[in-house]
Amino acid sequence: MKEGPSVSKKKLCLYFAAGLCLGLGLGFGVGVLQAPDSGDRTRRKFLKKANRFKDSMSKSLKKSAHAGA
């Protein structure tokens, strides 16, 4: 008996990752376009939050490095 075409797990993972990236990109783009603030203010807010996240991650990594040492 002949079975239908099989798609490898690697190919499925690539399709999933591509779809996820596409969805995130589109969602981000629509969110920016629909933002209630001006583009300049939205960018400043985004950078401020990104810097806070970066600082938070840096502190967490330093804390875990000291705990593991």
N, C-alpha and C. Protein backbone atom coordinates (compact mmCIF):
# COMPACT_ATOMS: atom_id res chain seq x y z
N MET A 1 0.83 -1.18 0.00
CA MET A 1 0.00 0.00 0.00
C MET A 1 0.88 1.25 0.00
N LYS A 2 0.47 2.20 -0.76
CA LYS A 2 1.22 3.44 -0.83
C LYS A 2 0.60 4.47 0.12
N GLU A 3 1.46 5.03 0.96
CA GLU A 3 0.98 6.03 1.91
C GLU A 3 1.17 7.42 1.33
N GLY A 4 0.50 8.40 1.91
CA GLY A 4 0.61 9.78 1.45
C GLY A 4 2.00 10.34 1.71
N PRO A 5 2.27 11.49 1.16
CA PRO A 5 3.60 12.09 1.35
C PRO A 5 3.85 12.40 2.81
N SER A 6 5.01 12.01 3.27
CA SER A 6 5.35 12.27 4.67
C SER A 6 6.25 13.49 4.75
N VAL A 7 6.04 14.27 5.76
CA VAL A 7 6.85 15.46 5.98
C VAL A 7 7.72 15.17 7.19
N SER A 8 9.01 15.41 7.04
CA SER A 8 9.93 15.10 8.13
C SER A 8 9.69 16.03 9.31
N LYS A 9 10.12 15.57 10.47
CA LYS A 9 9.98 16.38 11.68
C LYS A 9 10.78 17.68 11.55
N LYS A 10 11.94 17.60 10.91
CA LYS A 10 12.77 18.79 10.74
C LYS A 10 12.03 19.84 9.90
N LYS A 11 11.38 19.38 8.84
CA LYS A 11 10.64 20.29 7.97
C LYS A 11 9.46 20.90 8.73
N LEU A 12 8.78 20.10 9.54
CA LEU A 12 7.66 20.61 10.33
C LEU A 12 8.13 21.67 11.31
N CYS A 13 9.28 21.44 11.93
CA CYS A 13 9.84 22.42 12.87
C CYS A 13 10.19 23.71 12.15
N LEU A 14 10.74 23.60 10.95
CA LEU A 14 11.07 24.80 10.17
C LEU A 14 9.81 25.57 9.79
N TYR A 15 8.77 24.85 9.38
CA TYR A 15 7.51 25.50 9.05
C TYR A 15 6.92 26.20 10.28
N PHE A 16 6.98 25.52 11.41
CA PHE A 16 6.46 26.09 12.65
C PHE A 16 7.23 27.35 13.02
N ALA A 17 8.58 27.28 12.98
CA ALA A 17 9.41 28.43 13.33
C ALA A 17 9.16 29.60 12.38
N ALA A 18 9.03 29.30 11.09
CA ALA A 18 8.77 30.35 10.11
C ALA A 18 7.40 31.00 10.38
N GLY A 19 6.42 30.19 10.65
CA GLY A 19 5.08 30.71 10.96
C GLY A 19 5.07 31.53 12.23
N LEU A 20 5.81 31.07 13.23
CA LEU A 20 5.89 31.79 14.49
C LEU A 20 6.54 33.16 14.28
N CYS A 21 7.65 33.19 13.56
CA CYS A 21 8.34 34.45 13.28
C CYS A 21 7.46 35.39 12.47
N LEU A 22 6.80 34.86 11.48
CA LEU A 22 5.91 35.66 10.65
C LEU A 22 4.77 36.24 11.50
N GLY A 23 4.19 35.42 12.34
CA GLY A 23 3.10 35.87 13.20
C GLY A 23 3.56 36.94 14.19
N LEU A 24 4.74 36.73 14.78
CA LEU A 24 5.26 37.73 15.71
C LEU A 24 5.55 39.04 15.00
N GLY A 25 6.14 38.95 13.83
CA GLY A 25 6.46 40.16 13.06
C GLY A 25 5.20 40.92 12.67
N LEU A 26 4.22 40.20 12.17
CA LEU A 26 2.97 40.85 11.77
C LEU A 26 2.25 41.45 12.98
N GLY A 27 2.25 40.71 14.07
CA GLY A 27 1.61 41.22 15.29
C GLY A 27 2.29 42.47 15.81
N PHE A 28 3.61 42.47 15.78
CA PHE A 28 4.35 43.64 16.22
C PHE A 28 4.06 44.82 15.30
N GLY A 29 4.06 44.57 14.00
CA GLY A 29 3.80 45.64 13.04
C GLY A 29 2.41 46.24 13.21
N VAL A 30 1.41 45.40 13.36
CA VAL A 30 0.04 45.89 13.55
C VAL A 30 -0.06 46.64 14.88
N GLY A 31 0.60 46.13 15.90
CA GLY A 31 0.59 46.80 17.20
C GLY A 31 1.19 48.19 17.13
N VAL A 32 2.29 48.33 16.41
CA VAL A 32 2.92 49.64 16.27
C VAL A 32 2.02 50.58 15.48
N LEU A 33 1.41 50.06 14.43
CA LEU A 33 0.54 50.90 13.61
C LEU A 33 -0.71 51.33 14.38
N GLN A 34 -1.18 50.51 15.27
CA GLN A 34 -2.40 50.80 16.02
C GLN A 34 -2.12 51.49 17.36
N ALA A 35 -0.86 51.77 17.64
CA ALA A 35 -0.49 52.38 18.92
C ALA A 35 -1.15 53.74 19.07
N PRO A 36 -1.59 54.06 20.28
CA PRO A 36 -2.27 55.33 20.50
C PRO A 36 -1.33 56.54 20.51
N ASP A 37 -0.03 56.32 20.68
CA ASP A 37 0.93 57.41 20.73
C ASP A 37 1.58 57.64 19.38
N SER A 38 2.28 58.75 19.27
CA SER A 38 3.01 59.04 18.03
C SER A 38 4.17 58.06 17.89
N GLY A 39 4.73 57.98 16.70
CA GLY A 39 5.83 57.06 16.46
C GLY A 39 7.04 57.34 17.33
N ASP A 40 7.37 58.63 17.51
CA ASP A 40 8.53 58.99 18.32
C ASP A 40 8.32 58.57 19.77
N ARG A 41 7.15 58.84 20.30
CA ARG A 41 6.86 58.48 21.70
C ARG A 41 6.82 56.96 21.87
N THR A 42 6.25 56.27 20.90
CA THR A 42 6.19 54.81 20.96
C THR A 42 7.61 54.22 20.94
N ARG A 43 8.48 54.75 20.09
CA ARG A 43 9.87 54.27 20.05
C ARG A 43 10.58 54.52 21.37
N ARG A 44 10.35 55.69 21.97
CA ARG A 44 10.99 55.98 23.26
C ARG A 44 10.50 55.03 24.34
N LYS A 45 9.19 54.75 24.35
CA LYS A 45 8.64 53.81 25.33
C LYS A 45 9.23 52.41 25.12
N PHE A 46 9.30 52.01 23.85
CA PHE A 46 9.83 50.69 23.53
C PHE A 46 11.28 50.57 23.97
N LEU A 47 12.09 51.59 23.67
CA LEU A 47 13.50 51.56 24.07
C LEU A 47 13.66 51.55 25.59
N LYS A 48 12.82 52.31 26.27
CA LYS A 48 12.87 52.35 27.73
C LYS A 48 12.57 50.96 28.31
N LYS A 49 11.53 50.32 27.80
CA LYS A 49 11.17 48.98 28.28
C LYS A 49 12.24 47.96 27.91
N ALA A 50 12.80 48.07 26.71
CA ALA A 50 13.86 47.15 26.29
C ALA A 50 15.08 47.31 27.18
N ASN A 51 15.44 48.53 27.53
CA ASN A 51 16.58 48.75 28.42
C ASN A 51 16.32 48.21 29.82
N ARG A 52 15.10 48.38 30.31
CA ARG A 52 14.75 47.81 31.62
C ARG A 52 14.86 46.29 31.59
N PHE A 53 14.36 45.69 30.51
CA PHE A 53 14.44 44.23 30.38
C PHE A 53 15.89 43.78 30.32
N LYS A 54 16.72 44.50 29.55
CA LYS A 54 18.14 44.17 29.44
C LYS A 54 18.81 44.26 30.81
N ASP A 55 18.53 45.32 31.57
CA ASP A 55 19.12 45.48 32.89
C ASP A 55 18.66 44.36 33.83
N SER A 56 17.38 44.02 33.75
CA SER A 56 16.83 42.95 34.58
C SER A 56 17.49 41.61 34.26
N MET A 57 17.65 41.33 32.97
CA MET A 57 18.29 40.07 32.58
C MET A 57 19.76 40.05 33.00
N SER A 58 20.42 41.18 32.89
CA SER A 58 21.82 41.27 33.28
C SER A 58 21.96 40.98 34.77
N LYS A 59 21.10 41.58 35.58
CA LYS A 59 21.13 41.35 37.03
C LYS A 59 20.86 39.88 37.34
N SER A 60 19.88 39.30 36.66
CA SER A 60 19.55 37.89 36.90
C SER A 60 20.71 36.98 36.53
N LEU A 61 21.37 37.26 35.41
CA LEU A 61 22.50 36.43 34.99
C LEU A 61 23.67 36.56 35.97
N LYS A 62 23.91 37.79 36.44
CA LYS A 62 24.99 37.98 37.40
C LYS A 62 24.68 37.25 38.70
N LYS A 63 23.42 37.33 39.13
CA LYS A 63 23.01 36.67 40.37
C LYS A 63 23.18 35.15 40.23
N SER A 64 22.75 34.60 39.10
CA SER A 64 22.86 33.15 38.91
C SER A 64 24.32 32.73 38.75
N ALA A 65 25.15 33.59 38.17
CA ALA A 65 26.59 33.27 38.02
C ALA A 65 27.25 33.23 39.39
N HIS A 66 26.88 34.17 40.27
CA HIS A 66 27.45 34.18 41.61
C HIS A 66 26.95 32.99 42.43
N ALA A 67 25.71 32.61 42.23
CA ALA A 67 25.15 31.47 42.96
C ALA A 67 25.78 30.16 42.53
N GLY A 68 26.14 30.07 41.24
CA GLY A 68 26.73 28.84 40.72
C GLY A 68 28.22 28.74 40.96
N ALA A 69 28.86 29.83 41.32
CA ALA A 69 30.32 29.83 41.51
C ALA A 69 30.75 29.28 42.83
